[in-house]
Amino acid sequence: MAAGAERGVGLPAEPPPLSPEEVARRLESTRRELSNRRKILLRNLPAESSSQEIHDLFKDYEIKYCYVDRNKRTAFVTLLNGEQAQSAIRKFHQYSLRGKEISVQLQPTDALLCITNLPVSFTLEEFEELVRAYGNVERCFLVYSEATGHSKGYGFVEYMKKDSAAKARLELLGKQLEESTLFAQWMDVNQLTTNLIHSKCLCVDKLQKDCADSKELIQAFSLKYKPVFCQFAQDEDGGTGDFAVVEYESAEQAEKVRELTDGMTLKGRRVHVSYCAPGAAGRSTLAALIAAQRMNSILGNTSNLLLQSPAHLPLPQQQLLKMENIQANSVRSSLEL
């Protein structure tokens, strides 16, 4: 272990090992939810198509919802589950309907969030209870270690409506849960694959602020594997913040490093190491975390990054999100200098 860095004592006990059957059950549950996209989009429908015509076409499937936009000649259909959706795509994509070759594909979604820094003891039932408070949920699941079956401390939730997702994001961002401060961000649904849901990036929190020397941090997080990115956050005044992002070549490397470093002591401070949201590179991830912290400061509530409910926000939600994007782009540009 690096000089000045040691594994903390008095830490919570490691969760007990799970049976192979329980590990397999948890991993299968996640894989099932990953593929459970049941909403499809039909394009290039014949003129004057009706909901009844779509129901007749899908008579072998269980339709939960159907809306036909005659002006755009499209239909939004929700089926029973992801298996039915995939079957319908295979059967009806490029199908000739009244002389028109229709297109059938999965609907894009703009209501998907990743919630990170959850307590690792958080159960799926507790996660569901947490996210359902903000609206109707299409699907939600935790991400588990492929090796141990234990929660990695983050999960995904897709809401029925974007408004619900936006409300959840604003209220969960900075929410204190036990000793954890949650982070919530929008996600691209294309990142939801078995390989891509495992993060390569770690967030090292509770560091000593204004620590100009990053050598100790890099040394401590290079003992097992050499990171491809390792950088402190920066305050608006140019000083270093109290967290950093470390990225590795693979999710497996990140998992092993987290096991070794969570709770270690750096310069007299016991640090907390958690997974960042998967998908983005370390530099972009750091920019997003800094932007979220600054947005909380702009809103006038810097205590534990806690945001008020949307009803008490001083800015309209859309304007807030626009400002946040500008912040993230600005931070990202400064990190690239």
Protein backbone atom coordinates (compact mmCIF):
# COMPACT_ATOMS: atom_id res chain seq x y z
CA MET A 1 0.00 0.00 0.00
CA ALA A 2 1.28 3.51 -0.81
CA ALA A 3 2.93 5.61 1.86
CA GLY A 4 0.24 7.32 3.88
CA ALA A 5 -2.39 5.01 2.43
CA GLU A 6 -3.63 2.08 4.46
CA ARG A 7 -6.71 -0.07 4.61
CA GLY A 8 -9.11 1.34 7.15
CA VAL A 9 -10.01 -0.56 10.30
CA GLY A 10 -13.42 -0.74 11.90
CA LEU A 11 -15.15 -0.85 8.55
CA PRO A 12 -18.51 -2.58 8.11
CA ALA A 13 -18.09 -6.29 7.68
CA GLU A 14 -18.05 -7.65 4.16
CA PRO A 15 -21.43 -9.10 3.18
CA PRO A 16 -21.61 -12.86 3.65
CA PRO A 17 -20.97 -14.99 0.57
CA LEU A 18 -24.03 -16.01 -1.41
CA SER A 19 -24.87 -19.49 -2.54
CA PRO A 20 -24.22 -20.24 -6.23
CA GLU A 21 -27.98 -20.56 -6.69
CA GLU A 22 -28.61 -17.06 -5.28
CA VAL A 23 -25.83 -15.55 -7.39
CA ALA A 24 -27.32 -17.14 -10.50
CA ARG A 25 -30.83 -15.96 -9.56
CA ARG A 26 -29.71 -12.34 -9.15
CA LEU A 27 -27.74 -12.28 -12.38
CA GLU A 28 -30.63 -13.84 -14.28
CA SER A 29 -33.02 -11.26 -12.83
CA THR A 30 -30.82 -8.45 -14.15
CA ARG A 31 -30.45 -10.07 -17.56
CA ARG A 32 -34.23 -10.49 -17.75
CA GLU A 33 -34.85 -6.82 -17.02
CA LEU A 34 -32.14 -5.78 -19.49
CA SER A 35 -34.03 -7.46 -22.30
CA ASN A 36 -37.48 -6.44 -21.08
CA ARG A 37 -38.04 -3.62 -23.55
CA ARG A 38 -41.67 -4.15 -24.50
CA LYS A 39 -42.45 -0.88 -26.30
CA ILE A 40 -42.28 -0.90 -30.09
CA LEU A 41 -42.65 1.79 -32.73
CA LEU A 42 -44.37 1.21 -36.08
CA ARG A 43 -43.56 3.59 -38.94
CA ASN A 44 -44.78 4.10 -42.51
CA LEU A 45 -48.30 2.86 -41.78
CA PRO A 46 -50.91 3.08 -44.53
CA ALA A 47 -53.06 6.20 -44.57
CA GLU A 48 -55.98 6.23 -42.14
CA SER A 49 -54.60 3.33 -40.07
CA SER A 50 -56.58 2.76 -36.90
CA SER A 51 -55.96 1.31 -33.48
CA GLN A 52 -58.28 -1.56 -34.35
CA GLU A 53 -56.18 -2.38 -37.41
CA ILE A 54 -53.06 -2.58 -35.21
CA HIS A 55 -54.89 -4.80 -32.72
CA ASP A 56 -55.95 -7.07 -35.56
CA LEU A 57 -52.39 -7.21 -36.88
CA PHE A 58 -51.07 -8.12 -33.42
CA LYS A 59 -53.89 -10.54 -32.60
CA ASP A 60 -51.38 -13.17 -31.44
CA TYR A 61 -49.83 -10.76 -28.91
CA GLU A 62 -51.06 -9.17 -25.72
CA ILE A 63 -51.25 -5.41 -26.28
CA LYS A 64 -51.12 -3.30 -23.14
CA TYR A 65 -51.23 0.07 -24.90
CA CYS A 66 -51.67 1.30 -28.44
CA TYR A 67 -51.68 4.82 -29.85
CA VAL A 68 -51.85 5.60 -33.58
CA ASP A 69 -50.70 8.97 -34.91
CA ARG A 70 -52.42 9.20 -38.29
CA ASN A 71 -50.67 12.43 -39.26
CA LYS A 72 -47.23 10.87 -38.86
CA ARG A 73 -48.44 7.39 -39.84
CA THR A 74 -46.86 5.85 -36.77
CA ALA A 75 -48.06 3.72 -33.88
CA PHE A 76 -46.74 3.31 -30.35
CA VAL A 77 -47.43 -0.15 -28.98
CA THR A 78 -46.66 -1.67 -25.59
CA LEU A 79 -46.73 -5.46 -25.46
CA LEU A 80 -46.73 -7.88 -22.53
CA ASN A 81 -42.95 -8.24 -22.28
CA GLY A 82 -39.65 -7.97 -24.10
CA GLU A 83 -39.95 -11.42 -25.62
CA GLN A 84 -43.19 -10.47 -27.35
CA ALA A 85 -41.63 -7.22 -28.57
CA GLN A 86 -38.67 -9.02 -30.13
CA SER A 87 -40.98 -11.59 -31.70
CA ALA A 88 -43.17 -8.84 -33.19
CA ILE A 89 -40.12 -7.07 -34.63
CA ARG A 90 -38.92 -10.25 -36.31
CA LYS A 91 -42.38 -10.97 -37.69
CA PHE A 92 -43.55 -7.53 -38.82
CA HIS A 93 -40.47 -5.46 -39.65
CA GLN A 94 -40.64 -4.76 -43.41
CA TYR A 95 -44.07 -6.43 -43.44
CA SER A 96 -46.42 -5.33 -46.22
CA LEU A 97 -49.59 -3.81 -44.77
CA ARG A 98 -52.11 -2.68 -47.37
CA GLY A 99 -49.29 -2.23 -49.86
CA LYS A 100 -47.05 -0.30 -47.46
CA GLU A 101 -43.80 -1.81 -46.13
CA ILE A 102 -43.89 -0.93 -42.44
CA SER A 103 -40.94 -0.52 -40.10
CA VAL A 104 -41.10 -2.07 -36.62
CA GLN A 105 -38.43 -1.35 -34.00
CA LEU A 106 -37.98 -0.79 -30.29
CA GLN A 107 -39.11 2.62 -29.09
CA PRO A 108 -36.33 4.98 -28.03
CA THR A 109 -36.62 6.13 -24.43
CA ASP A 110 -35.88 9.47 -22.82
CA ALA A 111 -36.88 8.42 -19.30
CA LEU A 112 -33.94 6.22 -18.23
CA LEU A 113 -31.81 7.04 -15.17
CA CYS A 114 -28.80 5.49 -13.49
CA ILE A 115 -28.69 5.93 -9.69
CA THR A 116 -25.22 5.51 -8.20
CA ASN A 117 -23.66 5.49 -4.73
CA LEU A 118 -26.46 3.41 -3.25
CA PRO A 119 -25.59 1.55 -0.04
CA VAL A 120 -24.27 -1.84 -1.14
CA SER A 121 -26.65 -3.40 1.40
CA PHE A 122 -29.61 -1.89 -0.49
CA THR A 123 -31.95 -4.62 -1.73
CA LEU A 124 -33.88 -4.65 -4.98
CA GLU A 125 -37.11 -4.20 -3.01
CA GLU A 126 -35.70 -1.10 -1.29
CA PHE A 127 -34.51 0.28 -4.63
CA GLU A 128 -37.96 -0.24 -6.15
CA GLU A 129 -39.57 1.55 -3.20
CA LEU A 130 -37.13 4.43 -3.59
CA VAL A 131 -37.76 5.06 -7.29
CA ARG A 132 -41.51 4.35 -7.40
CA ALA A 133 -42.13 7.41 -5.26
CA TYR A 134 -41.70 9.63 -8.33
CA GLY A 135 -43.97 7.99 -10.88
CA ASN A 136 -44.94 4.81 -12.69
CA VAL A 137 -41.93 2.64 -13.43
CA GLU A 138 -41.48 0.66 -16.64
CA ARG A 139 -38.57 -1.37 -15.22
CA CYS A 140 -35.83 -1.08 -12.60
CA PHE A 141 -32.98 -3.26 -11.45
CA LEU A 142 -29.71 -3.29 -9.55
CA VAL A 143 -26.37 -4.23 -11.05
CA TYR A 144 -24.69 -7.18 -9.35
CA SER A 145 -21.12 -8.44 -9.36
CA GLU A 146 -20.73 -11.33 -11.78
CA ALA A 147 -18.26 -12.87 -9.34
CA THR A 148 -20.04 -12.51 -5.99
CA GLY A 149 -23.65 -11.65 -6.78
CA HIS A 150 -23.53 -8.70 -4.37
CA SER A 151 -24.89 -5.31 -5.40
CA LYS A 152 -22.37 -2.93 -6.95
CA GLY A 153 -24.18 0.02 -5.39
CA TYR A 154 -25.96 1.33 -8.48
CA GLY A 155 -29.02 0.57 -10.52
CA PHE A 156 -31.20 1.67 -13.41
CA VAL A 157 -34.78 2.85 -13.54
CA GLU A 158 -36.91 3.57 -16.60
CA TYR A 159 -40.11 5.54 -16.02
CA MET A 160 -43.27 5.52 -18.07
CA LYS A 161 -42.99 9.28 -18.58
CA LYS A 162 -40.05 11.64 -18.90
CA ASP A 163 -41.62 14.06 -16.41
CA SER A 164 -41.44 11.36 -13.74
CA ALA A 165 -37.81 10.64 -14.59
CA ALA A 166 -36.94 14.35 -14.45
CA LYS A 167 -38.59 14.70 -11.05
CA ALA A 168 -36.81 11.60 -9.74
CA ARG A 169 -33.47 12.85 -10.99
CA LEU A 170 -33.82 16.24 -9.34
CA GLU A 171 -34.96 14.79 -6.03
CA LEU A 172 -32.50 11.89 -5.90
CA LEU A 173 -29.46 13.94 -6.92
CA GLY A 174 -27.70 14.64 -3.65
CA LYS A 175 -30.20 12.73 -1.53
CA GLN A 176 -28.65 11.38 1.67
CA LEU A 177 -29.24 7.67 2.18
CA GLU A 178 -27.57 6.26 5.28
CA GLU A 179 -23.97 7.47 4.82
CA SER A 180 -24.26 7.70 1.04
CA THR A 181 -25.00 10.75 -1.11
CA LEU A 182 -26.83 9.63 -4.24
CA PHE A 183 -26.08 10.71 -7.77
CA ALA A 184 -28.62 10.40 -10.60
CA GLN A 185 -28.04 10.95 -14.29
CA TRP A 186 -29.70 10.37 -17.64
CA MET A 187 -28.61 7.27 -19.52
CA ASP A 188 -28.63 6.13 -23.13
CA VAL A 189 -30.75 3.00 -23.46
CA ASN A 190 -28.13 1.60 -25.86
CA GLN A 191 -25.78 1.31 -22.87
CA LEU A 192 -28.08 -1.29 -21.33
CA THR A 193 -26.37 -4.44 -22.46
CA THR A 194 -24.88 -7.26 -20.41
CA ASN A 195 -21.34 -6.04 -21.08
CA LEU A 196 -21.83 -2.28 -20.88
CA ILE A 197 -23.73 -2.05 -17.58
CA HIS A 198 -20.57 -2.81 -15.58
CA SER A 199 -18.66 0.40 -14.86
CA LYS A 200 -14.95 0.90 -15.50
CA CYS A 201 -14.88 4.13 -13.47
CA LEU A 202 -14.59 4.60 -9.71
CA CYS A 203 -15.46 7.69 -7.68
CA VAL A 204 -13.07 8.27 -4.78
CA ASP A 205 -14.92 10.45 -2.27
CA LYS A 206 -14.16 12.12 1.07
CA LEU A 207 -10.63 13.09 0.06
CA GLN A 208 -8.78 15.94 1.71
CA LYS A 209 -9.63 19.15 -0.14
CA ASP A 210 -6.96 21.32 -1.76
CA CYS A 211 -4.53 18.43 -1.93
CA ALA A 212 -2.27 19.65 -4.73
CA ASP A 213 -0.22 16.45 -4.87
CA SER A 214 -2.08 13.71 -6.73
CA LYS A 215 0.88 11.32 -6.75
CA GLU A 216 -0.32 9.54 -3.62
CA LEU A 217 -3.78 9.04 -5.10
CA ILE A 218 -2.37 7.68 -8.36
CA GLN A 219 0.07 5.45 -6.47
CA ALA A 220 -2.63 4.03 -4.20
CA PHE A 221 -4.90 3.24 -7.15
CA SER A 222 -2.11 1.76 -9.29
CA LEU A 223 -1.04 -1.02 -6.93
CA LYS A 224 -3.19 -3.67 -8.62
CA TYR A 225 -3.76 -2.19 -12.08
CA LYS A 226 -2.60 0.99 -13.74
CA PRO A 227 -5.55 3.34 -14.36
CA VAL A 228 -6.09 4.90 -17.77
CA PHE A 229 -7.42 8.08 -16.13
CA CYS A 230 -7.02 9.48 -12.61
CA GLN A 231 -7.88 13.07 -11.73
CA PHE A 232 -9.15 15.19 -8.85
CA ALA A 233 -12.24 17.33 -9.24
CA GLN A 234 -11.58 21.06 -9.31
CA ASP A 235 -13.50 23.79 -7.50
CA GLU A 236 -14.61 26.91 -9.34
CA ASP A 237 -11.69 28.80 -7.81
CA GLY A 238 -9.24 26.28 -9.27
CA GLY A 239 -8.55 24.35 -6.07
CA THR A 240 -8.92 20.60 -5.86
CA GLY A 241 -12.20 19.19 -4.62
CA ASP A 242 -12.83 16.34 -2.21
CA PHE A 243 -13.39 13.63 -4.81
CA ALA A 244 -11.67 12.11 -7.83
CA VAL A 245 -12.50 9.77 -10.71
CA VAL A 246 -10.33 6.78 -11.61
CA GLU A 247 -10.89 4.78 -14.80
CA TYR A 248 -9.52 1.33 -15.64
CA GLU A 249 -9.26 -0.70 -18.82
CA SER A 250 -12.00 -3.11 -17.78
CA ALA A 251 -14.90 -3.42 -15.37
CA GLU A 252 -13.19 -6.45 -13.82
CA GLN A 253 -10.14 -4.36 -12.96
CA ALA A 254 -12.32 -1.62 -11.45
CA GLU A 255 -14.14 -4.17 -9.30
CA LYS A 256 -10.94 -5.66 -7.91
CA VAL A 257 -9.47 -2.24 -7.17
CA ARG A 258 -12.61 -1.13 -5.38
CA GLU A 259 -12.48 -4.19 -3.15
CA LEU A 260 -8.92 -3.27 -2.15
CA THR A 261 -9.32 0.48 -1.72
CA ASP A 262 -12.77 1.23 -0.31
CA GLY A 263 -12.18 2.45 3.24
CA MET A 264 -8.43 3.00 2.87
CA THR A 265 -6.86 6.01 4.58
CA LEU A 266 -5.24 8.73 2.46
CA LYS A 267 -3.56 11.64 4.26
CA GLY A 268 -5.50 10.85 7.41
CA ARG A 269 -8.89 10.68 5.68
CA ARG A 270 -10.83 7.44 5.22
CA VAL A 271 -12.02 7.49 1.64
CA HIS A 272 -15.15 6.02 0.14
CA VAL A 273 -14.83 4.29 -3.23
CA SER A 274 -17.94 3.65 -5.31
CA TYR A 275 -18.80 2.94 -8.93
CA CYS A 276 -19.65 5.73 -11.34
CA ALA A 277 -22.41 5.32 -13.89
CA PRO A 278 -21.20 3.07 -16.74
CA GLY A 279 -20.81 4.04 -20.37
CA ALA A 280 -18.85 7.29 -20.31
CA ALA A 281 -15.06 7.67 -20.19
CA GLY A 282 -13.42 8.90 -17.00
CA ARG A 283 -12.93 12.47 -18.21
CA SER A 284 -16.58 12.85 -19.19
CA THR A 285 -17.70 11.19 -15.96
CA LEU A 286 -15.65 13.63 -13.89
CA ALA A 287 -17.09 16.55 -15.84
CA ALA A 288 -20.64 15.33 -15.17
CA LEU A 289 -19.98 14.96 -11.43
CA ILE A 290 -18.42 18.42 -11.19
CA ALA A 291 -21.29 19.96 -13.16
CA ALA A 292 -23.84 18.34 -10.84
CA GLN A 293 -22.02 19.68 -7.80
CA ARG A 294 -21.88 23.19 -9.26
CA MET A 295 -25.54 23.12 -10.18
CA ASN A 296 -26.40 22.34 -6.58
CA SER A 297 -24.31 25.31 -5.54
CA ILE A 298 -26.13 27.54 -8.05
CA LEU A 299 -29.44 26.45 -6.55
CA GLY A 300 -28.21 27.72 -3.20
CA ASN A 301 -28.17 24.45 -1.33
CA THR A 302 -24.68 23.03 -1.01
CA SER A 303 -25.30 20.91 2.08
CA ASN A 304 -24.53 17.33 1.05
CA LEU A 305 -25.49 18.26 -2.53
CA LEU A 306 -29.14 18.07 -1.45
CA LEU A 307 -31.65 19.46 -3.95
CA GLN A 308 -35.09 20.74 -3.06
CA SER A 309 -38.17 19.32 -4.71
CA PRO A 310 -38.96 20.68 -8.21
CA ALA A 311 -41.84 22.75 -6.77
CA HIS A 312 -39.31 24.85 -4.83
CA LEU A 313 -36.71 25.21 -7.57
CA PRO A 314 -35.97 28.85 -8.48
CA LEU A 315 -35.65 27.92 -12.17
CA PRO A 316 -38.01 26.03 -14.48
CA GLN A 317 -36.99 22.43 -14.89
CA GLN A 318 -36.18 22.74 -18.58
CA GLN A 319 -34.01 25.80 -18.00
CA LEU A 320 -32.23 24.00 -15.18
CA LEU A 321 -31.40 21.02 -17.36
CA LYS A 322 -30.20 23.34 -20.13
CA MET A 323 -27.92 25.13 -17.69
CA GLU A 324 -26.60 21.82 -16.44
CA ASN A 325 -25.68 20.75 -19.97
CA ILE A 326 -23.83 24.03 -20.47
CA GLN A 327 -22.01 23.47 -17.17
CA ALA A 328 -21.02 19.94 -18.13
CA ASN A 329 -19.71 21.06 -21.52
CA SER A 330 -17.76 23.88 -19.89
CA VAL A 331 -16.21 21.59 -17.30
CA ARG A 332 -15.39 18.98 -19.93
CA SER A 333 -13.62 21.62 -22.05
CA SER A 334 -11.54 22.78 -19.09
CA LEU A 335 -10.52 19.19 -18.29
CA GLU A 336 -9.28 18.73 -21.84
CA LEU A 337 -6.97 21.73 -21.65
